[in-house]
Amino acid sequence: MQSIDIIRLSEKQKQQLIILKRKTGIENWNVLCRWALCMSLADATLPPKEDIPSDSNVEMTWKTFAGEFSELYLTILKEAYRKFAKTSGNTELSTFVKIHLNRGINLYSKSL
């Protein structure tokens, strides 16, 4: 199975996270992104496939993104990926993470 090396965000996601940082007081991108990812994974449906650009200057390694629980997050992601593999076609794990992160950031932004 593939691995995830770098998480790159779109400019829209960056702007949403700036607002989330201000509203929540949470300063770290990676913490906000983890919460957003979990919010999306909690939804039993597959996010729509979108072409999400990586056009911002925000990027982080998988270790930074997932922190001390990187193995746990990776296991959860791989299980969700396997669950949807039949319906998601040839989607790569990195794309799967990207669409979940996008939906999660949108959900998180709307929840506040």
PDB file of N, CA and C in Angstrom:
ATOM      1  N   MET A   1       0.848  -1.183   0.000  1.00  0.00           N
ATOM      2  CA  MET A   1       0.000   0.000   0.000  1.00  0.00           C
ATOM      3  C   MET A   1       0.890   1.242   0.000  1.00  0.00           C
ATOM      4  N   GLN A   2       0.391   2.288  -0.611  1.00  0.00           N
ATOM      5  CA  GLN A   2       1.141   3.535  -0.737  1.00  0.00           C
ATOM      6  C   GLN A   2       1.310   4.203   0.627  1.00  0.00           C
ATOM      7  N   SER A   3       2.214   5.151   0.665  1.00  0.00           N
ATOM      8  CA  SER A   3       2.392   5.941   1.883  1.00  0.00           C
ATOM      9  C   SER A   3       2.106   7.404   1.564  1.00  0.00           C
ATOM     10  N   ILE A   4       2.095   8.198   2.589  1.00  0.00           N
ATOM     11  CA  ILE A   4       1.848   9.630   2.440  1.00  0.00           C
ATOM     12  C   ILE A   4       3.098  10.340   2.940  1.00  0.00           C
ATOM     13  N   ASP A   5       3.692  11.149   2.093  1.00  0.00           N
ATOM     14  CA  ASP A   5       4.919  11.837   2.486  1.00  0.00           C
ATOM     15  C   ASP A   5       4.679  13.296   2.855  1.00  0.00           C
ATOM     16  N   ILE A   6       3.972  14.007   1.986  1.00  0.00           N
ATOM     17  CA  ILE A   6       3.764  15.446   2.156  1.00  0.00           C
ATOM     18  C   ILE A   6       2.279  15.760   1.999  1.00  0.00           C
ATOM     19  N   ILE A   7       1.773  16.623   2.855  1.00  0.00           N
ATOM     20  CA  ILE A   7       0.407  17.142   2.750  1.00  0.00           C
ATOM     21  C   ILE A   7       0.539  18.582   2.266  1.00  0.00           C
ATOM     22  N   ARG A   8      -0.059  18.871   1.119  1.00  0.00           N
ATOM     23  CA  ARG A   8      -0.037  20.231   0.567  1.00  0.00           C
ATOM     24  C   ARG A   8      -1.469  20.755   0.510  1.00  0.00           C
ATOM     25  N   LEU A   9      -1.644  21.999   0.901  1.00  0.00           N
ATOM     26  CA  LEU A   9      -2.971  22.590   0.953  1.00  0.00           C
ATOM     27  C   LEU A   9      -3.198  23.574  -0.181  1.00  0.00           C
ATOM     28  N   SER A  10      -4.466  23.742  -0.513  1.00  0.00           N
ATOM     29  CA  SER A  10      -4.833  24.742  -1.516  1.00  0.00           C
ATOM     30  C   SER A  10      -4.897  26.114  -0.842  1.00  0.00           C
ATOM     31  N   GLU A  11      -4.928  27.142  -1.650  1.00  0.00           N
ATOM     32  CA  GLU A  11      -5.044  28.503  -1.121  1.00  0.00           C
ATOM     33  C   GLU A  11      -6.375  28.668  -0.387  1.00  0.00           C
ATOM     34  N   LYS A  12      -7.438  28.082  -0.929  1.00  0.00           N
ATOM     35  CA  LYS A  12      -8.747  28.153  -0.269  1.00  0.00           C
ATOM     36  C   LYS A  12      -8.685  27.486   1.103  1.00  0.00           C
ATOM     37  N   GLN A  13      -8.071  26.312   1.182  1.00  0.00           N
ATOM     38  CA  GLN A  13      -7.939  25.624   2.467  1.00  0.00           C
ATOM     39  C   GLN A  13      -7.118  26.463   3.441  1.00  0.00           C
ATOM     40  N   LYS A  14      -6.060  27.069   2.949  1.00  0.00           N
ATOM     41  CA  LYS A  14      -5.219  27.921   3.792  1.00  0.00           C
ATOM     42  C   LYS A  14      -6.045  29.058   4.388  1.00  0.00           C
ATOM     43  N   GLN A  15      -6.846  29.715   3.552  1.00  0.00           N
ATOM     44  CA  GLN A  15      -7.667  30.826   4.033  1.00  0.00           C
ATOM     45  C   GLN A  15      -8.694  30.352   5.057  1.00  0.00           C
ATOM     46  N   GLN A  16      -9.284  29.171   4.815  1.00  0.00           N
ATOM     47  CA  GLN A  16     -10.236  28.618   5.779  1.00  0.00           C
ATOM     48  C   GLN A  16      -9.543  28.315   7.107  1.00  0.00           C
ATOM     49  N   LEU A  17      -8.330  27.785   7.041  1.00  0.00           N
ATOM     50  CA  LEU A  17      -7.588  27.464   8.260  1.00  0.00           C
ATOM     51  C   LEU A  17      -7.179  28.727   9.020  1.00  0.00           C
ATOM     52  N   ILE A  18      -6.873  29.798   8.312  1.00  0.00           N
ATOM     53  CA  ILE A  18      -6.554  31.070   8.974  1.00  0.00           C
ATOM     54  C   ILE A  18      -7.751  31.529   9.806  1.00  0.00           C
ATOM     55  N   ILE A  19      -8.937  31.410   9.235  1.00  0.00           N
ATOM     56  CA  ILE A  19     -10.157  31.786   9.964  1.00  0.00           C
ATOM     57  C   ILE A  19     -10.380  30.846  11.146  1.00  0.00           C
ATOM     58  N   LEU A  20     -10.169  29.548  10.929  1.00  0.00           N
ATOM     59  CA  LEU A  20     -10.318  28.580  12.021  1.00  0.00           C
ATOM     60  C   LEU A  20      -9.328  28.854  13.147  1.00  0.00           C
ATOM     61  N   LYS A  21      -8.097  29.207  12.790  1.00  0.00           N
ATOM     62  CA  LYS A  21      -7.095  29.532  13.811  1.00  0.00           C
ATOM     63  C   LYS A  21      -7.577  30.703  14.661  1.00  0.00           C
ATOM     64  N   ARG A  22      -8.127  31.706  14.003  1.00  0.00           N
ATOM     65  CA  ARG A  22      -8.598  32.892  14.712  1.00  0.00           C
ATOM     66  C   ARG A  22      -9.798  32.550  15.610  1.00  0.00           C
ATOM     67  N   LYS A  23     -10.731  31.754  15.095  1.00  0.00           N
ATOM     68  CA  LYS A  23     -11.937  31.431  15.859  1.00  0.00           C
ATOM     69  C   LYS A  23     -11.683  30.455  17.002  1.00  0.00           C
ATOM     70  N   THR A  24     -10.759  29.532  16.815  1.00  0.00           N
ATOM     71  CA  THR A  24     -10.527  28.491  17.826  1.00  0.00           C
ATOM     72  C   THR A  24      -9.379  28.810  18.771  1.00  0.00           C
ATOM     73  N   GLY A  25      -8.463  29.664  18.340  1.00  0.00           N
ATOM     74  CA  GLY A  25      -7.275  29.934  19.131  1.00  0.00           C
ATOM     75  C   GLY A  25      -6.201  28.862  18.974  1.00  0.00           C
ATOM     76  N   ILE A  26      -6.456  27.876  18.126  1.00  0.00           N
ATOM     77  CA  ILE A  26      -5.480  26.813  17.868  1.00  0.00           C
ATOM     78  C   ILE A  26      -4.497  27.343  16.836  1.00  0.00           C
ATOM     79  N   GLU A  27      -3.225  27.356  17.177  1.00  0.00           N
ATOM     80  CA  GLU A  27      -2.214  27.980  16.333  1.00  0.00           C
ATOM     81  C   GLU A  27      -1.604  27.071  15.275  1.00  0.00           C
ATOM     82  N   ASN A  28      -1.672  25.780  15.467  1.00  0.00           N
ATOM     83  CA  ASN A  28      -0.955  24.869  14.569  1.00  0.00           C
ATOM     84  C   ASN A  28      -1.842  24.317  13.460  1.00  0.00           C
ATOM     85  N   TRP A  29      -1.358  24.472  12.227  1.00  0.00           N
ATOM     86  CA  TRP A  29      -2.078  23.953  11.063  1.00  0.00           C
ATOM     87  C   TRP A  29      -2.362  22.460  11.219  1.00  0.00           C
ATOM     88  N   ASN A  30      -1.339  21.723  11.682  1.00  0.00           N
ATOM     89  CA  ASN A  30      -1.471  20.269  11.726  1.00  0.00           C
ATOM     90  C   ASN A  30      -2.588  19.816  12.664  1.00  0.00           C
ATOM     91  N   VAL A  31      -2.771  20.486  13.773  1.00  0.00           N
ATOM     92  CA  VAL A  31      -3.842  20.112  14.704  1.00  0.00           C
ATOM     93  C   VAL A  31      -5.203  20.360  14.059  1.00  0.00           C
ATOM     94  N   LEU A  32      -5.372  21.519  13.450  1.00  0.00           N
ATOM     95  CA  LEU A  32      -6.630  21.818  12.767  1.00  0.00           C
ATOM     96  C   LEU A  32      -6.896  20.818  11.642  1.00  0.00           C
ATOM     97  N   CYS A  33      -5.853  20.485  10.896  1.00  0.00           N
ATOM     98  CA  CYS A  33      -6.008  19.535   9.790  1.00  0.00           C
ATOM     99  C   CYS A  33      -6.355  18.140  10.295  1.00  0.00           C
ATOM    100  N   ARG A  34      -5.772  17.720  11.393  1.00  0.00           N
ATOM    101  CA  ARG A  34      -6.108  16.409  11.973  1.00  0.00           C
ATOM    102  C   ARG A  34      -7.576  16.357  12.351  1.00  0.00           C
ATOM    103  N   TRP A  35      -8.049  17.397  13.009  1.00  0.00           N
ATOM    104  CA  TRP A  35      -9.456  17.440  13.406  1.00  0.00           C
ATOM    105  C   TRP A  35     -10.357  17.409  12.175  1.00  0.00           C
ATOM    106  N   ALA A  36      -9.980  18.182  11.163  1.00  0.00           N
ATOM    107  CA  ALA A  36     -10.766  18.216   9.928  1.00  0.00           C
ATOM    108  C   ALA A  36     -10.794  16.842   9.263  1.00  0.00           C
ATOM    109  N   LEU A  37      -9.657  16.180   9.210  1.00  0.00           N
ATOM    110  CA  LEU A  37      -9.601  14.844   8.616  1.00  0.00           C
ATOM    111  C   LEU A  37     -10.519  13.889   9.365  1.00  0.00           C
ATOM    112  N   CYS A  38     -10.476  13.928  10.681  1.00  0.00           N
ATOM    113  CA  CYS A  38     -11.334  13.046  11.480  1.00  0.00           C
ATOM    114  C   CYS A  38     -12.811  13.363  11.274  1.00  0.00           C
ATOM    115  N   MET A  39     -13.145  14.640  11.128  1.00  0.00           N
ATOM    116  CA  MET A  39     -14.539  15.011  10.866  1.00  0.00           C
ATOM    117  C   MET A  39     -15.016  14.399   9.561  1.00  0.00           C
ATOM    118  N   SER A  40     -14.182  14.425   8.547  1.00  0.00           N
ATOM    119  CA  SER A  40     -14.564  13.855   7.263  1.00  0.00           C
ATOM    120  C   SER A  40     -14.650  12.339   7.332  1.00  0.00           C
ATOM    121  N   LEU A  41     -13.687  11.710   7.976  1.00  0.00           N
ATOM    122  CA  LEU A  41     -13.696  10.247   8.082  1.00  0.00           C
ATOM    123  C   LEU A  41     -14.884   9.746   8.896  1.00  0.00           C
ATOM    124  N   ALA A  42     -15.414  10.570   9.794  1.00  0.00           N
ATOM    125  CA  ALA A  42     -16.583  10.184  10.584  1.00  0.00           C
ATOM    126  C   ALA A  42     -17.846  10.104   9.730  1.00  0.00           C
ATOM    127  N   ASP A  43     -17.847  10.782   8.601  1.00  0.00           N
ATOM    128  CA  ASP A  43     -18.963  10.713   7.653  1.00  0.00           C
ATOM    129  C   ASP A  43     -18.831   9.404   6.880  1.00  0.00           C
ATOM    130  N   ALA A  44     -19.887   8.638   6.822  1.00  0.00           N
ATOM    131  CA  ALA A  44     -19.831   7.303   6.207  1.00  0.00           C
ATOM    132  C   ALA A  44     -19.785   7.327   4.682  1.00  0.00           C
ATOM    133  N   THR A  45     -19.824   8.505   4.092  1.00  0.00           N
ATOM    134  CA  THR A  45     -19.803   8.585   2.632  1.00  0.00           C
ATOM    135  C   THR A  45     -18.426   9.000   2.131  1.00  0.00           C
ATOM    136  N   LEU A  46     -18.180   8.692   0.874  1.00  0.00           N
ATOM    137  CA  LEU A  46     -16.929   9.084   0.235  1.00  0.00           C
ATOM    138  C   LEU A  46     -17.056  10.525  -0.253  1.00  0.00           C
ATOM    139  N   PRO A  47     -16.082  11.376   0.039  1.00  0.00           N
ATOM    140  CA  PRO A  47     -16.151  12.750  -0.476  1.00  0.00           C
ATOM    141  C   PRO A  47     -16.121  12.737  -2.004  1.00  0.00           C
ATOM    142  N   PRO A  48     -16.733  13.732  -2.621  1.00  0.00           N
ATOM    143  CA  PRO A  48     -16.680  13.779  -4.083  1.00  0.00           C
ATOM    144  C   PRO A  48     -15.249  14.000  -4.565  1.00  0.00           C
ATOM    145  N   LYS A  49     -14.924  13.367  -5.679  1.00  0.00           N
ATOM    146  CA  LYS A  49     -13.598  13.592  -6.266  1.00  0.00           C
ATOM    147  C   LYS A  49     -13.576  14.987  -6.860  1.00  0.00           C
ATOM    148  N   GLU A  50     -12.569  15.732  -6.510  1.00  0.00           N
ATOM    149  CA  GLU A  50     -12.399  17.089  -7.017  1.00  0.00           C
ATOM    150  C   GLU A  50     -10.941  17.284  -7.386  1.00  0.00           C
ATOM    151  N   ASP A  51     -10.718  18.218  -8.273  1.00  0.00           N
ATOM    152  CA  ASP A  51      -9.347  18.613  -8.571  1.00  0.00           C
ATOM    153  C   ASP A  51      -8.999  19.724  -7.586  1.00  0.00           C
ATOM    154  N   ILE A  52      -8.283  19.371  -6.540  1.00  0.00           N
ATOM    155  CA  ILE A  52      -7.945  20.318  -5.484  1.00  0.00           C
ATOM    156  C   ILE A  52      -6.498  20.757  -5.699  1.00  0.00           C
ATOM    157  N   PRO A  53      -6.291  22.011  -6.047  1.00  0.00           N
ATOM    158  CA  PRO A  53      -4.916  22.455  -6.311  1.00  0.00           C
ATOM    159  C   PRO A  53      -4.082  22.502  -5.032  1.00  0.00           C
ATOM    160  N   SER A  54      -2.801  22.373  -5.202  1.00  0.00           N
ATOM    161  CA  SER A  54      -1.849  22.540  -4.089  1.00  0.00           C
ATOM    162  C   SER A  54      -1.139  23.867  -4.308  1.00  0.00           C
ATOM    163  N   ASP A  55      -1.924  24.937  -4.307  1.00  0.00           N
ATOM    164  CA  ASP A  55      -1.415  26.236  -4.740  1.00  0.00           C
ATOM    165  C   ASP A  55      -1.096  27.213  -3.607  1.00  0.00           C
ATOM    166  N   SER A  56      -1.032  26.717  -2.384  1.00  0.00           N
ATOM    167  CA  SER A  56      -0.638  27.616  -1.292  1.00  0.00           C
ATOM    168  C   SER A  56       0.793  27.300  -0.871  1.00  0.00           C
ATOM    169  N   ASN A  57       1.297  28.083   0.046  1.00  0.00           N
ATOM    170  CA  ASN A  57       2.641  27.824   0.560  1.00  0.00           C
ATOM    171  C   ASN A  57       2.604  26.968   1.825  1.00  0.00           C
ATOM    172  N   VAL A  58       1.446  26.364   2.111  1.00  0.00           N
ATOM    173  CA  VAL A  58       1.317  25.527   3.303  1.00  0.00           C
ATOM    174  C   VAL A  58       1.490  24.066   2.919  1.00  0.00           C
ATOM    175  N   GLU A  59       2.525  23.464   3.482  1.00  0.00           N
ATOM    176  CA  GLU A  59       2.735  22.040   3.315  1.00  0.00           C
ATOM    177  C   GLU A  59       3.391  21.511   4.578  1.00  0.00           C
ATOM    178  N   MET A  60       3.167  20.242   4.836  1.00  0.00           N
ATOM    179  CA  MET A  60       3.769  19.620   6.017  1.00  0.00           C
ATOM    180  C   MET A  60       4.051  18.162   5.730  1.00  0.00           C
ATOM    181  N   THR A  61       5.057  17.653   6.375  1.00  0.00           N
ATOM    182  CA  THR A  61       5.354  16.234   6.221  1.00  0.00           C
ATOM    183  C   THR A  61       4.267  15.432   6.931  1.00  0.00           C
ATOM    184  N   TRP A  62       4.189  14.152   6.583  1.00  0.00           N
ATOM    185  CA  TRP A  62       3.216  13.287   7.244  1.00  0.00           C
ATOM    186  C   TRP A  62       3.475  13.253   8.751  1.00  0.00           C
ATOM    187  N   LYS A  63       4.736  13.194   9.154  1.00  0.00           N
ATOM    188  CA  LYS A  63       5.071  13.141  10.586  1.00  0.00           C
ATOM    189  C   LYS A  63       4.603  14.406  11.312  1.00  0.00           C
ATOM    190  N   THR A  64       4.746  15.555  10.674  1.00  0.00           N
ATOM    191  CA  THR A  64       4.260  16.796  11.270  1.00  0.00           C
ATOM    192  C   THR A  64       2.744  16.802  11.311  1.00  0.00           C
ATOM    193  N   PHE A  65       2.127  16.406  10.210  1.00  0.00           N
ATOM    194  CA  PHE A  65       0.666  16.369  10.127  1.00  0.00           C
ATOM    195  C   PHE A  65       0.082  15.485  11.225  1.00  0.00           C
ATOM    196  N   ALA A  66       0.577  14.258  11.333  1.00  0.00           N
ATOM    197  CA  ALA A  66      -0.027  13.265  12.220  1.00  0.00           C
ATOM    198  C   ALA A  66       0.559  13.256  13.629  1.00  0.00           C
ATOM    199  N   GLY A  67       1.723  13.853  13.798  1.00  0.00           N
ATOM    200  CA  GLY A  67       2.323  13.920  15.127  1.00  0.00           C
ATOM    201  C   GLY A  67       2.700  12.560  15.687  1.00  0.00           C
ATOM    202  N   GLU A  68       2.633  12.460  17.000  1.00  0.00           N
ATOM    203  CA  GLU A  68       3.063  11.231  17.666  1.00  0.00           C
ATOM    204  C   GLU A  68       2.154  10.045  17.373  1.00  0.00           C
ATOM    205  N   PHE A  69       0.990  10.298  16.814  1.00  0.00           N
ATOM    206  CA  PHE A  69       0.054   9.224  16.507  1.00  0.00           C
ATOM    207  C   PHE A  69       0.022   8.901  15.017  1.00  0.00           C
ATOM    208  N   SER A  70       1.131   9.125  14.334  1.00  0.00           N
ATOM    209  CA  SER A  70       1.162   8.939  12.878  1.00  0.00           C
ATOM    210  C   SER A  70       0.782   7.524  12.458  1.00  0.00           C
ATOM    211  N   GLU A  71       1.229   6.525  13.187  1.00  0.00           N
ATOM    212  CA  GLU A  71       0.886   5.142  12.835  1.00  0.00           C
ATOM    213  C   GLU A  71      -0.607   4.886  13.000  1.00  0.00           C
ATOM    214  N   LEU A  72      -1.201   5.441  14.033  1.00  0.00           N
ATOM    215  CA  LEU A  72      -2.634   5.287  14.262  1.00  0.00           C
ATOM    216  C   LEU A  72      -3.437   5.961  13.150  1.00  0.00           C
ATOM    217  N   TYR A  73      -3.089   7.202  12.825  1.00  0.00           N
ATOM    218  CA  TYR A  73      -3.787   7.898  11.739  1.00  0.00           C
ATOM    219  C   TYR A  73      -3.634   7.151  10.417  1.00  0.00           C
ATOM    220  N   LEU A  74      -2.443   6.651  10.145  1.00  0.00           N
ATOM    221  CA  LEU A  74      -2.204   5.922   8.905  1.00  0.00           C
ATOM    222  C   LEU A  74      -3.032   4.641   8.858  1.00  0.00           C
ATOM    223  N   THR A  75      -3.137   3.943   9.965  1.00  0.00           N
ATOM    224  CA  THR A  75      -3.948   2.725  10.022  1.00  0.00           C
ATOM    225  C   THR A  75      -5.423   3.043   9.781  1.00  0.00           C
ATOM    226  N   ILE A  76      -5.921   4.090  10.414  1.00  0.00           N
ATOM    227  CA  ILE A  76      -7.316   4.501  10.222  1.00  0.00           C
ATOM    228  C   ILE A  76      -7.561   4.873   8.764  1.00  0.00           C
ATOM    229  N   LEU A  77      -6.648   5.637   8.186  1.00  0.00           N
ATOM    230  CA  LEU A  77      -6.790   6.039   6.783  1.00  0.00           C
ATOM    231  C   LEU A  77      -6.765   4.842   5.845  1.00  0.00           C
ATOM    232  N   LYS A  78      -5.845   3.929   6.068  1.00  0.00           N
ATOM    233  CA  LYS A  78      -5.743   2.761   5.193  1.00  0.00           C
ATOM    234  C   LYS A  78      -6.987   1.888   5.293  1.00  0.00           C
ATOM    235  N   GLU A  79      -7.556   1.773   6.477  1.00  0.00           N
ATOM    236  CA  GLU A  79      -8.788   0.995   6.640  1.00  0.00           C
ATOM    237  C   GLU A  79      -9.940   1.665   5.894  1.00  0.00           C
ATOM    238  N   ALA A  80     -10.061   2.976   6.035  1.00  0.00           N
ATOM    239  CA  ALA A  80     -11.102   3.705   5.305  1.00  0.00           C
ATOM    240  C   ALA A  80     -10.869   3.601   3.804  1.00  0.00           C
ATOM    241  N   TYR A  81      -9.618   3.664   3.390  1.00  0.00           N
ATOM    242  CA  TYR A  81      -9.259   3.556   1.972  1.00  0.00           C
ATOM    243  C   TYR A  81      -9.666   2.193   1.424  1.00  0.00           C
ATOM    244  N   ARG A  82      -9.373   1.141   2.167  1.00  0.00           N
ATOM    245  CA  ARG A  82      -9.758  -0.215   1.733  1.00  0.00           C
ATOM    246  C   ARG A  82     -11.270  -0.342   1.627  1.00  0.00           C
ATOM    247  N   LYS A  83     -11.974   0.248   2.575  1.00  0.00           N
ATOM    248  CA  LYS A  83     -13.438   0.184   2.595  1.00  0.00           C
ATOM    249  C   LYS A  83     -14.037   0.788   1.327  1.00  0.00           C
ATOM    250  N   PHE A  84     -13.452   1.879   0.869  1.00  0.00           N
ATOM    251  CA  PHE A  84     -13.990   2.580  -0.290  1.00  0.00           C
ATOM    252  C   PHE A  84     -13.256   2.265  -1.587  1.00  0.00           C
ATOM    253  N   ALA A  85     -12.293   1.366  -1.551  1.00  0.00           N
ATOM    254  CA  ALA A  85     -11.474   1.080  -2.739  1.00  0.00           C
ATOM    255  C   ALA A  85     -12.319   0.682  -3.942  1.00  0.00           C
ATOM    256  N   LYS A  86     -13.354  -0.083  -3.723  1.00  0.00           N
ATOM    257  CA  LYS A  86     -14.185  -0.541  -4.843  1.00  0.00           C
ATOM    258  C   LYS A  86     -14.966   0.605  -5.471  1.00  0.00           C
ATOM    259  N   THR A  87     -15.415   1.546  -4.651  1.00  0.00           N
ATOM    260  CA  THR A  87     -16.217   2.649  -5.183  1.00  0.00           C
ATOM    261  C   THR A  87     -15.384   3.855  -5.590  1.00  0.00           C
ATOM    262  N   SER A  88     -14.145   3.909  -5.128  1.00  0.00           N
ATOM    263  CA  SER A  88     -13.321   5.081  -5.441  1.00  0.00           C
ATOM    264  C   SER A  88     -12.455   4.885  -6.680  1.00  0.00           C
ATOM    265  N   GLY A  89     -12.580   3.743  -7.328  1.00  0.00           N
ATOM    266  CA  GLY A  89     -11.807   3.508  -8.547  1.00  0.00           C
ATOM    267  C   GLY A  89     -10.329   3.405  -8.254  1.00  0.00           C
ATOM    268  N   ASN A  90      -9.530   4.039  -9.082  1.00  0.00           N
ATOM    269  CA  ASN A  90      -8.074   3.975  -8.949  1.00  0.00           C
ATOM    270  C   ASN A  90      -7.507   5.148  -8.155  1.00  0.00           C
ATOM    271  N   THR A  91      -8.256   5.649  -7.223  1.00  0.00           N
ATOM    272  CA  THR A  91      -7.801   6.769  -6.410  1.00  0.00           C
ATOM    273  C   THR A  91      -6.600   6.355  -5.570  1.00  0.00           C
ATOM    274  N   GLU A  92      -5.554   7.145  -5.609  1.00  0.00           N
ATOM    275  CA  GLU A  92      -4.374   6.885  -4.787  1.00  0.00           C
ATOM    276  C   GLU A  92      -4.667   7.291  -3.347  1.00  0.00           C
ATOM    277  N   LEU A  93      -3.924   6.711  -2.422  1.00  0.00           N
ATOM    278  CA  LEU A  93      -4.106   7.032  -1.007  1.00  0.00           C
ATOM    279  C   LEU A  93      -3.910   8.527  -0.761  1.00  0.00           C
ATOM    280  N   SER A  94      -2.925   9.131  -1.399  1.00  0.00           N
ATOM    281  CA  SER A  94      -2.675  10.568  -1.195  1.00  0.00           C
ATOM    282  C   SER A  94      -3.863  11.409  -1.668  1.00  0.00           C
ATOM    283  N   THR A  95      -4.502  11.006  -2.759  1.00  0.00           N
ATOM    284  CA  THR A  95      -5.693  11.707  -3.248  1.00  0.00           C
ATOM    285  C   THR A  95      -6.859  11.490  -2.298  1.00  0.00           C
ATOM    286  N   PHE A  96      -6.986  10.272  -1.797  1.00  0.00           N
ATOM    287  CA  PHE A  96      -8.023   9.932  -0.826  1.00  0.00           C
ATOM    288  C   PHE A  96      -7.902  10.838   0.403  1.00  0.00           C
ATOM    289  N   VAL A  97      -6.686  11.021   0.890  1.00  0.00           N
ATOM    290  CA  VAL A  97      -6.445  11.903   2.039  1.00  0.00           C
ATOM    291  C   VAL A  97      -6.795  13.340   1.669  1.00  0.00           C
ATOM    292  N   LYS A  98      -6.399  13.753   0.492  1.00  0.00           N
ATOM    293  CA  LYS A  98      -6.625  15.130   0.041  1.00  0.00           C
ATOM    294  C   LYS A  98      -8.116  15.466  -0.028  1.00  0.00           C
ATOM    295  N   ILE A  99      -8.926  14.553  -0.576  1.00  0.00           N
ATOM    296  CA  ILE A  99     -10.362  14.849  -0.684  1.00  0.00           C
ATOM    297  C   ILE A  99     -11.033  14.803   0.688  1.00  0.00           C
ATOM    298  N   HIS A 100     -10.556  13.917   1.571  1.00  0.00           N
ATOM    299  CA  HIS A 100     -11.108  13.893   2.932  1.00  0.00           C
ATOM    300  C   HIS A 100     -10.710  15.152   3.693  1.00  0.00           C
ATOM    301  N   LEU A 101      -9.485  15.569   3.548  1.00  0.00           N
ATOM    302  CA  LEU A 101      -9.028  16.776   4.227  1.00  0.00           C
ATOM    303  C   LEU A 101      -9.807  17.993   3.733  1.00  0.00           C
ATOM    304  N   ASN A 102     -10.041  18.053   2.438  1.00  0.00           N
ATOM    305  CA  ASN A 102     -10.804  19.160   1.867  1.00  0.00           C
ATOM    306  C   ASN A 102     -12.219  19.197   2.441  1.00  0.00           C
ATOM    307  N   ARG A 103     -12.890  18.038   2.442  1.00  0.00           N
ATOM    308  CA  ARG A 103     -14.250  18.008   2.986  1.00  0.00           C
ATOM    309  C   ARG A 103     -14.224  18.350   4.474  1.00  0.00           C
ATOM    310  N   GLY A 104     -13.252  17.811   5.199  1.00  0.00           N
ATOM    311  CA  GLY A 104     -13.167  18.074   6.632  1.00  0.00           C
ATOM    312  C   GLY A 104     -12.953  19.540   6.960  1.00  0.00           C
ATOM    313  N   ILE A 105     -12.086  20.202   6.214  1.00  0.00           N
ATOM    314  CA  ILE A 105     -11.857  21.637   6.442  1.00  0.00           C
ATOM    315  C   ILE A 105     -13.138  22.413   6.160  1.00  0.00           C
ATOM    316  N   ASN A 106     -13.853  22.035   5.107  1.00  0.00           N
ATOM    317  CA  ASN A 106     -15.130  22.691   4.813  1.00  0.00           C
ATOM    318  C   ASN A 106     -16.138  22.462   5.939  1.00  0.00           C
ATOM    319  N   LEU A 107     -16.246  21.220   6.421  1.00  0.00           N
ATOM    320  CA  LEU A 107     -17.170  20.908   7.519  1.00  0.00           C
ATOM    321  C   LEU A 107     -16.798  21.677   8.782  1.00  0.00           C
ATOM    322  N   TYR A 108     -15.524  21.678   9.104  1.00  0.00           N
ATOM    323  CA  TYR A 108     -15.030  22.359  10.301  1.00  0.00           C
ATOM    324  C   TYR A 108     -15.316  23.858  10.209  1.00  0.00           C
ATOM    325  N   SER A 109     -15.081  24.435   9.045  1.00  0.00           N
ATOM    326  CA  SER A 109     -15.319  25.870   8.851  1.00  0.00           C
ATOM    327  C   SER A 109     -16.789  26.220   9.038  1.00  0.00           C
ATOM    328  N   LYS A 110     -17.661  25.368   8.538  1.00  0.00           N
ATOM    329  CA  LYS A 110     -19.103  25.629   8.639  1.00  0.00           C
ATOM    330  C   LYS A 110     -19.644  25.383  10.039  1.00  0.00           C
ATOM    331  N   SER A 111     -18.927  24.595  10.839  1.00  0.00           N
ATOM    332  CA  SER A 111     -19.428  24.245  12.171  1.00  0.00           C
ATOM    333  C   SER A 111     -19.219  25.356  13.202  1.00  0.00           C
ATOM    334  N   LEU A 112     -18.403  26.337  12.880  1.00  0.00           N
ATOM    335  CA  LEU A 112     -18.115  27.411  13.853  1.00  0.00           C
ATOM    336  C   LEU A 112     -18.832  28.693  13.517  1.00  0.00           C
TER     337      LEU A 112
END
